[in-house]
Amino acid sequence: MTSVNGSIPFETLVETIKSLDLRQQQELLEILEEQMFEAEEDWENSEEIIAEVEEAKKAYQAGDYLTLEDFISSQS
């Protein structure tokens, strides 16, 4: 197994990834996708996002919104 320690310049990391064989790149992609999925879940379940969604729902229920068509018209 290949390991990386310390701080690596991004360009060096990209070149290193390019040098991996297809199987290693696919494995790395799976790892990155899993980490991104987990980060998105954490973000979606954060108190800040939940509060913003609730605020948006209340505004919508109160009729306090602008349709996309109305928004586009107002920008012209």
N, C-alpha and C. Protein backbone atom coordinates (compact mmCIF):
# COMPACT_ATOMS: atom_id res chain seq x y z
N MET A 1 0.84 -1.18 0.00
CA MET A 1 0.00 0.00 0.00
C MET A 1 0.89 1.24 0.00
N THR A 2 0.53 2.23 -0.80
CA THR A 2 1.27 3.47 -0.89
C THR A 2 0.75 4.45 0.15
N SER A 3 1.63 5.15 0.84
CA SER A 3 1.19 6.12 1.83
C SER A 3 1.82 7.47 1.55
N VAL A 4 1.14 8.52 2.02
CA VAL A 4 1.60 9.89 1.84
C VAL A 4 1.54 10.56 3.20
N ASN A 5 2.64 11.20 3.59
CA ASN A 5 2.68 11.91 4.86
C ASN A 5 3.13 13.35 4.62
N GLY A 6 2.63 14.25 5.44
CA GLY A 6 3.05 15.63 5.36
C GLY A 6 2.23 16.42 4.36
N SER A 7 2.72 17.62 4.07
CA SER A 7 2.04 18.53 3.17
C SER A 7 2.64 18.40 1.77
N ILE A 8 1.78 18.23 0.78
CA ILE A 8 2.22 18.06 -0.60
C ILE A 8 1.59 19.16 -1.43
N PRO A 9 2.38 19.85 -2.25
CA PRO A 9 1.77 20.85 -3.14
C PRO A 9 0.71 20.19 -4.03
N PHE A 10 -0.36 20.88 -4.29
CA PHE A 10 -1.47 20.32 -5.05
C PHE A 10 -1.01 19.81 -6.41
N GLU A 11 -0.17 20.58 -7.09
CA GLU A 11 0.29 20.17 -8.41
C GLU A 11 1.04 18.84 -8.36
N THR A 12 1.82 18.65 -7.30
CA THR A 12 2.54 17.39 -7.12
C THR A 12 1.56 16.25 -6.89
N LEU A 13 0.54 16.52 -6.11
CA LEU A 13 -0.48 15.51 -5.86
C LEU A 13 -1.17 15.10 -7.16
N VAL A 14 -1.52 16.08 -7.99
CA VAL A 14 -2.18 15.79 -9.27
C VAL A 14 -1.27 14.94 -10.15
N GLU A 15 -0.01 15.30 -10.23
CA GLU A 15 0.92 14.52 -11.05
C GLU A 15 1.08 13.10 -10.51
N THR A 16 1.08 12.96 -9.21
CA THR A 16 1.19 11.63 -8.60
C THR A 16 -0.04 10.80 -8.93
N ILE A 17 -1.22 11.41 -8.85
CA ILE A 17 -2.46 10.70 -9.18
C ILE A 17 -2.44 10.27 -10.64
N LYS A 18 -1.96 11.13 -11.52
CA LYS A 18 -1.89 10.79 -12.94
C LYS A 18 -0.96 9.60 -13.18
N SER A 19 0.01 9.42 -12.32
CA SER A 19 0.96 8.33 -12.51
C SER A 19 0.44 6.98 -11.99
N LEU A 20 -0.68 6.99 -11.27
CA LEU A 20 -1.25 5.75 -10.76
C LEU A 20 -1.85 4.94 -11.90
N ASP A 21 -1.91 3.63 -11.72
CA ASP A 21 -2.58 2.83 -12.74
C ASP A 21 -4.09 2.97 -12.56
N LEU A 22 -4.84 2.48 -13.53
CA LEU A 22 -6.29 2.66 -13.54
C LEU A 22 -6.94 2.10 -12.28
N ARG A 23 -6.55 0.94 -11.83
CA ARG A 23 -7.13 0.34 -10.63
C ARG A 23 -6.93 1.25 -9.43
N GLN A 24 -5.73 1.79 -9.27
CA GLN A 24 -5.45 2.68 -8.14
C GLN A 24 -6.25 3.98 -8.25
N GLN A 25 -6.39 4.51 -9.46
CA GLN A 25 -7.18 5.72 -9.64
C GLN A 25 -8.65 5.46 -9.31
N GLN A 26 -9.17 4.29 -9.69
CA GLN A 26 -10.55 3.95 -9.38
C GLN A 26 -10.75 3.81 -7.87
N GLU A 27 -9.78 3.21 -7.21
CA GLU A 27 -9.85 3.07 -5.76
C GLU A 27 -9.83 4.44 -5.08
N LEU A 28 -8.98 5.31 -5.56
CA LEU A 28 -8.90 6.67 -5.02
C LEU A 28 -10.22 7.41 -5.26
N LEU A 29 -10.79 7.24 -6.44
CA LEU A 29 -12.07 7.88 -6.75
C LEU A 29 -13.16 7.40 -5.79
N GLU A 30 -13.19 6.12 -5.51
CA GLU A 30 -14.18 5.59 -4.57
C GLU A 30 -14.00 6.20 -3.19
N ILE A 31 -12.77 6.34 -2.75
CA ILE A 31 -12.48 6.94 -1.44
C ILE A 31 -12.95 8.39 -1.42
N LEU A 32 -12.61 9.14 -2.47
CA LEU A 32 -13.00 10.55 -2.53
C LEU A 32 -14.51 10.71 -2.59
N GLU A 33 -15.18 9.88 -3.38
CA GLU A 33 -16.64 9.97 -3.47
C GLU A 33 -17.29 9.68 -2.12
N GLU A 34 -16.78 8.70 -1.40
CA GLU A 34 -17.32 8.38 -0.08
C GLU A 34 -17.13 9.55 0.89
N GLN A 35 -15.95 10.15 0.86
CA GLN A 35 -15.69 11.29 1.75
C GLN A 35 -16.57 12.48 1.38
N MET A 36 -16.76 12.71 0.09
CA MET A 36 -17.60 13.81 -0.35
C MET A 36 -19.05 13.57 0.05
N PHE A 37 -19.52 12.33 -0.10
CA PHE A 37 -20.89 11.97 0.29
C PHE A 37 -21.09 12.23 1.77
N GLU A 38 -20.15 11.80 2.59
CA GLU A 38 -20.25 12.01 4.04
C GLU A 38 -20.23 13.50 4.38
N ALA A 39 -19.37 14.26 3.70
CA ALA A 39 -19.30 15.70 3.96
C ALA A 39 -20.61 16.38 3.57
N GLU A 40 -21.20 15.97 2.45
CA GLU A 40 -22.48 16.54 2.03
C GLU A 40 -23.58 16.20 3.02
N GLU A 41 -23.58 14.97 3.51
CA GLU A 41 -24.58 14.58 4.51
C GLU A 41 -24.44 15.42 5.77
N ASP A 42 -23.21 15.60 6.22
CA ASP A 42 -22.96 16.43 7.41
C ASP A 42 -23.45 17.85 7.18
N TRP A 43 -23.19 18.39 5.99
CA TRP A 43 -23.60 19.75 5.66
C TRP A 43 -25.12 19.85 5.64
N GLU A 44 -25.77 18.89 4.95
CA GLU A 44 -27.23 18.91 4.84
C GLU A 44 -27.91 18.77 6.19
N ASN A 45 -27.28 18.08 7.11
CA ASN A 45 -27.86 17.86 8.43
C ASN A 45 -27.38 18.86 9.47
N SER A 46 -26.66 19.87 9.03
CA SER A 46 -26.17 20.88 9.98
C SER A 46 -27.34 21.75 10.45
N GLU A 47 -27.22 22.26 11.64
CA GLU A 47 -28.27 23.11 12.20
C GLU A 47 -28.54 24.33 11.31
N GLU A 48 -27.49 24.88 10.74
CA GLU A 48 -27.62 26.07 9.89
C GLU A 48 -28.49 25.78 8.65
N ILE A 49 -28.22 24.68 7.98
CA ILE A 49 -28.98 24.34 6.77
C ILE A 49 -30.41 23.98 7.13
N ILE A 50 -30.61 23.22 8.19
CA ILE A 50 -31.96 22.87 8.62
C ILE A 50 -32.77 24.12 8.93
N ALA A 51 -32.15 25.09 9.59
CA ALA A 51 -32.83 26.35 9.91
C ALA A 51 -33.16 27.13 8.64
N GLU A 52 -32.24 27.16 7.67
CA GLU A 52 -32.49 27.88 6.42
C GLU A 52 -33.64 27.24 5.63
N VAL A 53 -33.70 25.91 5.63
CA VAL A 53 -34.78 25.21 4.93
C VAL A 53 -36.11 25.51 5.60
N GLU A 54 -36.14 25.49 6.91
CA GLU A 54 -37.37 25.79 7.63
C GLU A 54 -37.83 27.23 7.35
N GLU A 55 -36.88 28.15 7.32
CA GLU A 55 -37.21 29.55 7.03
C GLU A 55 -37.78 29.68 5.62
N ALA A 56 -37.18 28.97 4.67
CA ALA A 56 -37.67 29.01 3.29
C ALA A 56 -39.06 28.40 3.18
N LYS A 57 -39.32 27.32 3.89
CA LYS A 57 -40.64 26.69 3.88
C LYS A 57 -41.69 27.66 4.42
N LYS A 58 -41.37 28.33 5.51
CA LYS A 58 -42.32 29.29 6.10
C LYS A 58 -42.60 30.43 5.14
N ALA A 59 -41.57 30.93 4.49
CA ALA A 59 -41.74 32.03 3.53
C ALA A 59 -42.62 31.57 2.36
N TYR A 60 -42.38 30.37 1.88
CA TYR A 60 -43.18 29.83 0.78
C TYR A 60 -44.64 29.68 1.19
N GLN A 61 -44.87 29.13 2.38
CA GLN A 61 -46.24 28.94 2.86
C GLN A 61 -46.95 30.27 3.04
N ALA A 62 -46.19 31.31 3.37
CA ALA A 62 -46.77 32.64 3.56
C ALA A 62 -46.94 33.38 2.22
N GLY A 63 -46.50 32.75 1.13
CA GLY A 63 -46.61 33.39 -0.18
C GLY A 63 -45.51 34.40 -0.44
N ASP A 64 -44.49 34.38 0.39
CA ASP A 64 -43.38 35.33 0.27
C ASP A 64 -42.27 34.73 -0.59
N TYR A 65 -42.55 34.68 -1.88
CA TYR A 65 -41.57 34.14 -2.82
C TYR A 65 -41.79 34.75 -4.18
N LEU A 66 -40.84 34.57 -5.05
CA LEU A 66 -40.86 35.09 -6.41
C LEU A 66 -40.66 33.91 -7.34
N THR A 67 -41.54 33.76 -8.33
CA THR A 67 -41.36 32.68 -9.29
C THR A 67 -40.15 32.98 -10.15
N LEU A 68 -39.61 31.97 -10.79
CA LEU A 68 -38.46 32.17 -11.68
C LEU A 68 -38.83 33.10 -12.82
N GLU A 69 -40.02 32.94 -13.35
CA GLU A 69 -40.46 33.81 -14.44
C GLU A 69 -40.55 35.27 -13.99
N ASP A 70 -41.10 35.49 -12.80
CA ASP A 70 -41.18 36.85 -12.27
C ASP A 70 -39.79 37.42 -12.01
N PHE A 71 -38.90 36.60 -11.50
CA PHE A 71 -37.54 37.05 -11.25
C PHE A 71 -36.86 37.47 -12.55
N ILE A 72 -36.99 36.65 -13.57
CA ILE A 72 -36.38 36.95 -14.88
C ILE A 72 -36.97 38.24 -15.43
N SER A 73 -38.27 38.37 -15.32
CA SER A 73 -38.93 39.59 -15.81
C SER A 73 -38.42 40.84 -15.07
N SER A 74 -38.19 40.70 -13.78
CA SER A 74 -37.74 41.86 -13.00
C SER A 74 -36.29 42.24 -13.33
N GLN A 75 -35.53 41.33 -13.90
CA GLN A 75 -34.14 41.60 -14.24
C GLN A 75 -33.99 42.27 -15.60
N SER A 76 -35.05 42.27 -16.38
CA SER A 76 -35.00 42.83 -17.74
C SER A 76 -35.10 44.33 -17.72
